Amino acid sequence: MNQPEPNTPVAMLWDFFGPNGLHTAEHHRIHLDEFATAKELTPLALEVLQMPDKTSVSMVLPWSAVQELRPILKPHRGQIWSQSLGEKQ
């Protein structure tokens, strides 16, 4: 698989399940926002996404930043991002 271009927006995603999934995801988003502020990052998106089977938190940054932060933040998964996470590429 080819690597994305450095400025390609990539969503790092954390998934939460069960009856407390939404609450946990919202709390995790707060910590990601604090991390972004401390590191002077400007995410293209930082949001909680509710789906029928899980709740996810998405933080979107350029691929170059994701490469650096992935070992620190340990997202569960990632994907190329376009305005709506429902639009996978």
PDB file of N, CA and C in Angstrom:
ATOM      1  N   MET A   1       0.846  -1.188   0.000  1.00  0.00           N
ATOM      2  CA  MET A   1       0.000   0.000   0.000  1.00  0.00           C
ATOM      3  C   MET A   1       0.885   1.243   0.000  1.00  0.00           C
ATOM      4  N   ASN A   2       0.545   2.207  -0.822  1.00  0.00           N
ATOM      5  CA  ASN A   2       1.306   3.448  -0.898  1.00  0.00           C
ATOM      6  C   ASN A   2       1.013   4.342   0.297  1.00  0.00           C
ATOM      7  N   GLN A   3       2.023   5.085   0.708  1.00  0.00           N
ATOM      8  CA  GLN A   3       1.850   6.052   1.802  1.00  0.00           C
ATOM      9  C   GLN A   3       1.112   7.278   1.266  1.00  0.00           C
ATOM     10  N   PRO A   4       0.239   7.870   2.071  1.00  0.00           N
ATOM     11  CA  PRO A   4      -0.415   9.120   1.653  1.00  0.00           C
ATOM     12  C   PRO A   4       0.618  10.245   1.539  1.00  0.00           C
ATOM     13  N   GLU A   5       0.267  11.273   0.805  1.00  0.00           N
ATOM     14  CA  GLU A   5       1.088  12.481   0.743  1.00  0.00           C
ATOM     15  C   GLU A   5       1.113  13.119   2.132  1.00  0.00           C
ATOM     16  N   PRO A   6       2.190  13.854   2.476  1.00  0.00           N
ATOM     17  CA  PRO A   6       2.313  14.427   3.836  1.00  0.00           C
ATOM     18  C   PRO A   6       1.115  15.270   4.282  1.00  0.00           C
ATOM     19  N   ASN A   7       0.467  15.995   3.365  1.00  0.00           N
ATOM     20  CA  ASN A   7      -0.649  16.867   3.751  1.00  0.00           C
ATOM     21  C   ASN A   7      -2.015  16.203   3.636  1.00  0.00           C
ATOM     22  N   THR A   8      -2.055  14.930   3.285  1.00  0.00           N
ATOM     23  CA  THR A   8      -3.330  14.210   3.178  1.00  0.00           C
ATOM     24  C   THR A   8      -3.984  14.125   4.554  1.00  0.00           C
ATOM     25  N   PRO A   9      -5.245  14.547   4.684  1.00  0.00           N
ATOM     26  CA  PRO A   9      -5.910  14.441   5.981  1.00  0.00           C
ATOM     27  C   PRO A   9      -6.204  12.979   6.328  1.00  0.00           C
ATOM     28  N   VAL A  10      -5.817  12.588   7.532  1.00  0.00           N
ATOM     29  CA  VAL A  10      -6.025  11.224   8.009  1.00  0.00           C
ATOM     30  C   VAL A  10      -6.723  11.285   9.367  1.00  0.00           C
ATOM     31  N   ALA A  11      -7.752  10.472   9.512  1.00  0.00           N
ATOM     32  CA  ALA A  11      -8.486  10.397  10.782  1.00  0.00           C
ATOM     33  C   ALA A  11      -7.899   9.295  11.638  1.00  0.00           C
ATOM     34  N   MET A  12      -7.504   9.652  12.841  1.00  0.00           N
ATOM     35  CA  MET A  12      -7.161   8.659  13.856  1.00  0.00           C
ATOM     36  C   MET A  12      -8.452   8.407  14.631  1.00  0.00           C
ATOM     37  N   LEU A  13      -8.775   7.135  14.848  1.00  0.00           N
ATOM     38  CA  LEU A  13     -10.051   6.785  15.462  1.00  0.00           C
ATOM     39  C   LEU A  13      -9.875   5.887  16.677  1.00  0.00           C
ATOM     40  N   TRP A  14     -10.658   6.178  17.689  1.00  0.00           N
ATOM     41  CA  TRP A  14     -10.721   5.370  18.903  1.00  0.00           C
ATOM     42  C   TRP A  14     -12.159   4.908  19.048  1.00  0.00           C
ATOM     43  N   ASP A  15     -12.374   3.611  19.243  1.00  0.00           N
ATOM     44  CA  ASP A  15     -13.721   3.038  19.305  1.00  0.00           C
ATOM     45  C   ASP A  15     -14.076   2.637  20.736  1.00  0.00           C
ATOM     46  N   PHE A  16     -15.323   2.904  21.108  1.00  0.00           N
ATOM     47  CA  PHE A  16     -15.828   2.577  22.440  1.00  0.00           C
ATOM     48  C   PHE A  16     -17.166   1.867  22.295  1.00  0.00           C
ATOM     49  N   PHE A  17     -17.355   0.827  23.112  1.00  0.00           N
ATOM     50  CA  PHE A  17     -18.529  -0.030  22.998  1.00  0.00           C
ATOM     51  C   PHE A  17     -19.282  -0.085  24.321  1.00  0.00           C
ATOM     52  N   GLY A  18     -20.492  -0.587  24.240  1.00  0.00           N
ATOM     53  CA  GLY A  18     -21.275  -0.836  25.440  1.00  0.00           C
ATOM     54  C   GLY A  18     -22.077   0.361  25.889  1.00  0.00           C
ATOM     55  N   PRO A  19     -22.781   0.186  27.016  1.00  0.00           N
ATOM     56  CA  PRO A  19     -23.690   1.229  27.492  1.00  0.00           C
ATOM     57  C   PRO A  19     -22.980   2.529  27.888  1.00  0.00           C
ATOM     58  N   ASN A  20     -21.706   2.456  28.243  1.00  0.00           N
ATOM     59  CA  ASN A  20     -20.968   3.665  28.622  1.00  0.00           C
ATOM     60  C   ASN A  20     -20.103   4.189  27.482  1.00  0.00           C
ATOM     61  N   GLY A  21     -20.247   3.617  26.287  1.00  0.00           N
ATOM     62  CA  GLY A  21     -19.405   3.992  25.160  1.00  0.00           C
ATOM     63  C   GLY A  21     -19.458   5.473  24.821  1.00  0.00           C
ATOM     64  N   LEU A  22     -20.657   6.043  24.791  1.00  0.00           N
ATOM     65  CA  LEU A  22     -20.797   7.462  24.458  1.00  0.00           C
ATOM     66  C   LEU A  22     -20.117   8.334  25.500  1.00  0.00           C
ATOM     67  N   HIS A  23     -20.375   8.054  26.766  1.00  0.00           N
ATOM     68  CA  HIS A  23     -19.778   8.844  27.846  1.00  0.00           C
ATOM     69  C   HIS A  23     -18.241   8.758  27.795  1.00  0.00           C
ATOM     70  N   THR A  24     -17.732   7.549  27.587  1.00  0.00           N
ATOM     71  CA  THR A  24     -16.280   7.355  27.522  1.00  0.00           C
ATOM     72  C   THR A  24     -15.691   8.080  26.322  1.00  0.00           C
ATOM     73  N   ALA A  25     -16.366   8.009  25.185  1.00  0.00           N
ATOM     74  CA  ALA A  25     -15.889   8.685  23.976  1.00  0.00           C
ATOM     75  C   ALA A  25     -15.861  10.203  24.172  1.00  0.00           C
ATOM     76  N   GLU A  26     -16.905  10.749  24.761  1.00  0.00           N
ATOM     77  CA  GLU A  26     -16.942  12.194  25.019  1.00  0.00           C
ATOM     78  C   GLU A  26     -15.807  12.613  25.949  1.00  0.00           C
ATOM     79  N   HIS A  27     -15.534  11.795  26.951  1.00  0.00           N
ATOM     80  CA  HIS A  27     -14.441  12.092  27.881  1.00  0.00           C
ATOM     81  C   HIS A  27     -13.085  12.004  27.164  1.00  0.00           C
ATOM     82  N   HIS A  28     -12.930  11.011  26.321  1.00  0.00           N
ATOM     83  CA  HIS A  28     -11.680  10.854  25.564  1.00  0.00           C
ATOM     84  C   HIS A  28     -11.455  12.044  24.631  1.00  0.00           C
ATOM     85  N   ARG A  29     -12.546  12.546  24.026  1.00  0.00           N
ATOM     86  CA  ARG A  29     -12.442  13.712  23.141  1.00  0.00           C
ATOM     87  C   ARG A  29     -11.908  14.926  23.901  1.00  0.00           C
ATOM     88  N   ILE A  30     -12.330  15.083  25.138  1.00  0.00           N
ATOM     89  CA  ILE A  30     -11.839  16.201  25.953  1.00  0.00           C
ATOM     90  C   ILE A  30     -10.324  16.096  26.126  1.00  0.00           C
ATOM     91  N   HIS A  31      -9.825  14.901  26.416  1.00  0.00           N
ATOM     92  CA  HIS A  31      -8.383  14.717  26.586  1.00  0.00           C
ATOM     93  C   HIS A  31      -7.625  14.939  25.277  1.00  0.00           C
ATOM     94  N   LEU A  32      -8.197  14.522  24.160  1.00  0.00           N
ATOM     95  CA  LEU A  32      -7.555  14.773  22.866  1.00  0.00           C
ATOM     96  C   LEU A  32      -7.507  16.263  22.560  1.00  0.00           C
ATOM     97  N   ASP A  33      -8.568  16.976  22.916  1.00  0.00           N
ATOM     98  CA  ASP A  33      -8.593  18.426  22.720  1.00  0.00           C
ATOM     99  C   ASP A  33      -7.517  19.095  23.576  1.00  0.00           C
ATOM    100  N   GLU A  34      -7.369  18.651  24.814  1.00  0.00           N
ATOM    101  CA  GLU A  34      -6.319  19.194  25.691  1.00  0.00           C
ATOM    102  C   GLU A  34      -4.933  18.891  25.124  1.00  0.00           C
ATOM    103  N   PHE A  35      -4.748  17.685  24.603  1.00  0.00           N
ATOM    104  CA  PHE A  35      -3.466  17.303  23.993  1.00  0.00           C
ATOM    105  C   PHE A  35      -3.171  18.198  22.791  1.00  0.00           C
ATOM    106  N   ALA A  36      -4.165  18.388  21.934  1.00  0.00           N
ATOM    107  CA  ALA A  36      -3.988  19.226  20.746  1.00  0.00           C
ATOM    108  C   ALA A  36      -3.621  20.659  21.141  1.00  0.00           C
ATOM    109  N   THR A  37      -4.265  21.182  22.156  1.00  0.00           N
ATOM    110  CA  THR A  37      -3.965  22.539  22.622  1.00  0.00           C
ATOM    111  C   THR A  37      -2.538  22.621  23.160  1.00  0.00           C
ATOM    112  N   ALA A  38      -2.158  21.647  23.968  1.00  0.00           N
ATOM    113  CA  ALA A  38      -0.811  21.644  24.559  1.00  0.00           C
ATOM    114  C   ALA A  38       0.279  21.537  23.495  1.00  0.00           C
ATOM    115  N   LYS A  39      -0.003  20.786  22.425  1.00  0.00           N
ATOM    116  CA  LYS A  39       0.985  20.584  21.357  1.00  0.00           C
ATOM    117  C   LYS A  39       0.830  21.585  20.216  1.00  0.00           C
ATOM    118  N   GLU A  40      -0.097  22.548  20.403  1.00  0.00           N
ATOM    119  CA  GLU A  40      -0.365  23.581  19.401  1.00  0.00           C
ATOM    120  C   GLU A  40      -0.742  22.976  18.048  1.00  0.00           C
ATOM    121  N   LEU A  41      -1.592  21.952  18.102  1.00  0.00           N
ATOM    122  CA  LEU A  41      -2.108  21.315  16.893  1.00  0.00           C
ATOM    123  C   LEU A  41      -3.470  21.916  16.558  1.00  0.00           C
ATOM    124  N   THR A  42      -3.784  21.940  15.293  1.00  0.00           N
ATOM    125  CA  THR A  42      -5.088  22.404  14.851  1.00  0.00           C
ATOM    126  C   THR A  42      -5.738  21.294  14.029  1.00  0.00           C
ATOM    127  N   PRO A  43      -6.459  20.390  14.688  1.00  0.00           N
ATOM    128  CA  PRO A  43      -7.110  19.309  13.946  1.00  0.00           C
ATOM    129  C   PRO A  43      -8.137  19.851  12.954  1.00  0.00           C
ATOM    130  N   LEU A  44      -8.253  19.183  11.810  1.00  0.00           N
ATOM    131  CA  LEU A  44      -9.296  19.532  10.849  1.00  0.00           C
ATOM    132  C   LEU A  44     -10.660  19.143  11.396  1.00  0.00           C
ATOM    133  N   ALA A  45     -10.680  18.137  12.250  1.00  0.00           N
ATOM    134  CA  ALA A  45     -11.906  17.709  12.926  1.00  0.00           C
ATOM    135  C   ALA A  45     -11.506  16.988  14.204  1.00  0.00           C
ATOM    136  N   LEU A  46     -12.321  17.151  15.208  1.00  0.00           N
ATOM    137  CA  LEU A  46     -12.183  16.425  16.474  1.00  0.00           C
ATOM    138  C   LEU A  46     -13.605  16.230  16.969  1.00  0.00           C
ATOM    139  N   GLU A  47     -14.125  15.006  16.760  1.00  0.00           N
ATOM    140  CA  GLU A  47     -15.548  14.812  17.004  1.00  0.00           C
ATOM    141  C   GLU A  47     -15.863  13.412  17.512  1.00  0.00           C
ATOM    142  N   VAL A  48     -17.029  13.318  18.141  1.00  0.00           N
ATOM    143  CA  VAL A  48     -17.564  12.046  18.594  1.00  0.00           C
ATOM    144  C   VAL A  48     -18.591  11.608  17.561  1.00  0.00           C
ATOM    145  N   LEU A  49     -18.459  10.360  17.115  1.00  0.00           N
ATOM    146  CA  LEU A  49     -19.349   9.819  16.091  1.00  0.00           C
ATOM    147  C   LEU A  49     -20.102   8.631  16.665  1.00  0.00           C
ATOM    148  N   GLN A  50     -21.430   8.735  16.746  1.00  0.00           N
ATOM    149  CA  GLN A  50     -22.243   7.644  17.278  1.00  0.00           C
ATOM    150  C   GLN A  50     -22.744   6.779  16.135  1.00  0.00           C
ATOM    151  N   MET A  51     -22.534   5.474  16.262  1.00  0.00           N
ATOM    152  CA  MET A  51     -23.020   4.496  15.303  1.00  0.00           C
ATOM    153  C   MET A  51     -23.842   3.470  16.067  1.00  0.00           C
ATOM    154  N   PRO A  52     -24.604   2.636  15.368  1.00  0.00           N
ATOM    155  CA  PRO A  52     -25.445   1.678  16.088  1.00  0.00           C
ATOM    156  C   PRO A  52     -24.660   0.718  16.989  1.00  0.00           C
ATOM    157  N   ASP A  53     -23.476   0.313  16.571  1.00  0.00           N
ATOM    158  CA  ASP A  53     -22.741  -0.707  17.324  1.00  0.00           C
ATOM    159  C   ASP A  53     -21.579  -0.173  18.155  1.00  0.00           C
ATOM    160  N   LYS A  54     -21.255   1.107  18.010  1.00  0.00           N
ATOM    161  CA  LYS A  54     -20.132   1.683  18.757  1.00  0.00           C
ATOM    162  C   LYS A  54     -20.186   3.201  18.692  1.00  0.00           C
ATOM    163  N   THR A  55     -19.363   3.821  19.504  1.00  0.00           N
ATOM    164  CA  THR A  55     -19.149   5.263  19.446  1.00  0.00           C
ATOM    165  C   THR A  55     -17.666   5.471  19.225  1.00  0.00           C
ATOM    166  N   SER A  56     -17.324   6.345  18.283  1.00  0.00           N
ATOM    167  CA  SER A  56     -15.922   6.586  17.957  1.00  0.00           C
ATOM    168  C   SER A  56     -15.573   8.046  18.168  1.00  0.00           C
ATOM    169  N   VAL A  57     -14.308   8.271  18.467  1.00  0.00           N
ATOM    170  CA  VAL A  57     -13.762   9.622  18.502  1.00  0.00           C
ATOM    171  C   VAL A  57     -12.807   9.719  17.330  1.00  0.00           C
ATOM    172  N   SER A  58     -12.911  10.803  16.591  1.00  0.00           N
ATOM    173  CA  SER A  58     -12.077  11.017  15.422  1.00  0.00           C
ATOM    174  C   SER A  58     -11.272  12.301  15.595  1.00  0.00           C
ATOM    175  N   MET A  59      -9.982  12.211  15.346  1.00  0.00           N
ATOM    176  CA  MET A  59      -9.130  13.397  15.307  1.00  0.00           C
ATOM    177  C   MET A  59      -8.406  13.376  13.963  1.00  0.00           C
ATOM    178  N   VAL A  60      -8.618  14.419  13.168  1.00  0.00           N
ATOM    179  CA  VAL A  60      -8.085  14.466  11.815  1.00  0.00           C
ATOM    180  C   VAL A  60      -6.937  15.459  11.745  1.00  0.00           C
ATOM    181  N   LEU A  61      -5.802  14.960  11.262  1.00  0.00           N
ATOM    182  CA  LEU A  61      -4.593  15.762  11.095  1.00  0.00           C
ATOM    183  C   LEU A  61      -3.918  15.361   9.778  1.00  0.00           C
ATOM    184  N   PRO A  62      -2.986  16.160   9.289  1.00  0.00           N
ATOM    185  CA  PRO A  62      -2.226  15.755   8.110  1.00  0.00           C
ATOM    186  C   PRO A  62      -1.431  14.476   8.390  1.00  0.00           C
ATOM    187  N   TRP A  63      -1.237  13.672   7.359  1.00  0.00           N
ATOM    188  CA  TRP A  63      -0.529  12.399   7.482  1.00  0.00           C
ATOM    189  C   TRP A  63       0.823  12.567   8.166  1.00  0.00           C
ATOM    190  N   SER A  64       1.544  13.626   7.865  1.00  0.00           N
ATOM    191  CA  SER A  64       2.861  13.825   8.482  1.00  0.00           C
ATOM    192  C   SER A  64       2.757  13.911  10.004  1.00  0.00           C
ATOM    193  N   ALA A  65       1.707  14.561  10.513  1.00  0.00           N
ATOM    194  CA  ALA A  65       1.507  14.660  11.967  1.00  0.00           C
ATOM    195  C   ALA A  65       1.031  13.316  12.538  1.00  0.00           C
ATOM    196  N   VAL A  66       0.176  12.624  11.797  1.00  0.00           N
ATOM    197  CA  VAL A  66      -0.332  11.327  12.252  1.00  0.00           C
ATOM    198  C   VAL A  66       0.816  10.340  12.440  1.00  0.00           C
ATOM    199  N   GLN A  67       1.757  10.336  11.502  1.00  0.00           N
ATOM    200  CA  GLN A  67       2.904   9.430  11.612  1.00  0.00           C
ATOM    201  C   GLN A  67       3.666   9.662  12.917  1.00  0.00           C
ATOM    202  N   GLU A  68       3.824  10.914  13.282  1.00  0.00           N
ATOM    203  CA  GLU A  68       4.557  11.263  14.500  1.00  0.00           C
ATOM    204  C   GLU A  68       3.752  10.946  15.760  1.00  0.00           C
ATOM    205  N   LEU A  69       2.442  11.184  15.708  1.00  0.00           N
ATOM    206  CA  LEU A  69       1.607  11.061  16.908  1.00  0.00           C
ATOM    207  C   LEU A  69       1.033   9.670  17.126  1.00  0.00           C
ATOM    208  N   ARG A  70       0.978   8.861  16.109  1.00  0.00           N
ATOM    209  CA  ARG A  70       0.370   7.530  16.233  1.00  0.00           C
ATOM    210  C   ARG A  70       0.983   6.698  17.366  1.00  0.00           C
ATOM    211  N   PRO A  71       2.318   6.654  17.516  1.00  0.00           N
ATOM    212  CA  PRO A  71       2.880   5.869  18.623  1.00  0.00           C
ATOM    213  C   PRO A  71       2.560   6.452  20.008  1.00  0.00           C
ATOM    214  N   ILE A  72       2.302   7.739  20.066  1.00  0.00           N
ATOM    215  CA  ILE A  72       2.003   8.402  21.339  1.00  0.00           C
ATOM    216  C   ILE A  72       0.527   8.234  21.707  1.00  0.00           C
ATOM    217  N   LEU A  73      -0.360   8.494  20.746  1.00  0.00           N
ATOM    218  CA  LEU A  73      -1.798   8.487  21.016  1.00  0.00           C
ATOM    219  C   LEU A  73      -2.448   7.111  20.862  1.00  0.00           C
ATOM    220  N   LYS A  74      -1.810   6.214  20.155  1.00  0.00           N
ATOM    221  CA  LYS A  74      -2.264   4.825  19.990  1.00  0.00           C
ATOM    222  C   LYS A  74      -3.733   4.705  19.574  1.00  0.00           C
ATOM    223  N   PRO A  75      -4.088   5.285  18.412  1.00  0.00           N
ATOM    224  CA  PRO A  75      -5.471   5.119  17.947  1.00  0.00           C
ATOM    225  C   PRO A  75      -5.752   3.653  17.638  1.00  0.00           C
ATOM    226  N   HIS A  76      -7.025   3.280  17.703  1.00  0.00           N
ATOM    227  CA  HIS A  76      -7.426   1.912  17.392  1.00  0.00           C
ATOM    228  C   HIS A  76      -7.339   1.634  15.902  1.00  0.00           C
ATOM    229  N   ARG A  77      -7.570   2.679  15.097  1.00  0.00           N
ATOM    230  CA  ARG A  77      -7.522   2.532  13.649  1.00  0.00           C
ATOM    231  C   ARG A  77      -7.386   3.905  13.009  1.00  0.00           C
ATOM    232  N   GLY A  78      -7.249   3.927  11.706  1.00  0.00           N
ATOM    233  CA  GLY A  78      -7.131   5.183  10.982  1.00  0.00           C
ATOM    234  C   GLY A  78      -7.638   5.017   9.564  1.00  0.00           C
ATOM    235  N   GLN A  79      -7.959   6.154   8.943  1.00  0.00           N
ATOM    236  CA  GLN A  79      -8.404   6.134   7.558  1.00  0.00           C
ATOM    237  C   GLN A  79      -8.207   7.500   6.928  1.00  0.00           C
ATOM    238  N   ILE A  80      -8.056   7.490   5.606  1.00  0.00           N
ATOM    239  CA  ILE A  80      -8.009   8.747   4.865  1.00  0.00           C
ATOM    240  C   ILE A  80      -9.341   9.446   5.111  1.00  0.00           C
ATOM    241  N   TRP A  81      -9.297  10.757   5.260  1.00  0.00           N
ATOM    242  CA  TRP A  81     -10.490  11.517   5.630  1.00  0.00           C
ATOM    243  C   TRP A  81     -10.916  12.441   4.492  1.00  0.00           C
ATOM    244  N   SER A  82     -12.209  12.535   4.285  1.00  0.00           N
ATOM    245  CA  SER A  82     -12.790  13.570   3.437  1.00  0.00           C
ATOM    246  C   SER A  82     -14.002  14.084   4.167  1.00  0.00           C
ATOM    247  N   GLN A  83     -14.212  15.323   4.201  1.00  0.00           N
ATOM    248  CA  GLN A  83     -15.176  16.070   5.017  1.00  0.00           C
ATOM    249  C   GLN A  83     -16.085  15.248   5.930  1.00  0.00           C
ATOM    250  N   SER A  84     -16.573  14.119   5.497  1.00  0.00           N
ATOM    251  CA  SER A  84     -17.408  13.271   6.344  1.00  0.00           C
ATOM    252  C   SER A  84     -16.745  11.925   6.499  1.00  0.00           C
ATOM    253  N   LEU A  85     -16.617  11.458   7.721  1.00  0.00           N
ATOM    254  CA  LEU A  85     -15.993  10.152   7.936  1.00  0.00           C
ATOM    255  C   LEU A  85     -16.775   9.039   7.273  1.00  0.00           C
ATOM    256  N   GLY A  86     -18.025   9.290   6.967  1.00  0.00           N
ATOM    257  CA  GLY A  86     -18.808   8.299   6.255  1.00  0.00           C
ATOM    258  C   GLY A  86     -18.300   8.095   4.834  1.00  0.00           C
ATOM    259  N   GLU A  87     -17.459   8.996   4.361  1.00  0.00           N
ATOM    260  CA  GLU A  87     -16.925   8.912   3.000  1.00  0.00           C
ATOM    261  C   GLU A  87     -15.501   8.401   3.061  1.00  0.00           C
ATOM    262  N   LYS A  88     -15.337   7.112   3.236  1.00  0.00           N
ATOM    263  CA  LYS A  88     -13.998   6.508   3.262  1.00  0.00           C
ATOM    264  C   LYS A  88     -13.410   6.532   1.868  1.00  0.00           C
ATOM    265  N   GLN A  89     -12.084   6.618   1.833  1.00  0.00           N
ATOM    266  CA  GLN A  89     -11.388   6.542   0.549  1.00  0.00           C
ATOM    267  C   GLN A  89     -10.511   5.339   0.522  1.00  0.00           C
TER     268      GLN A  89
END
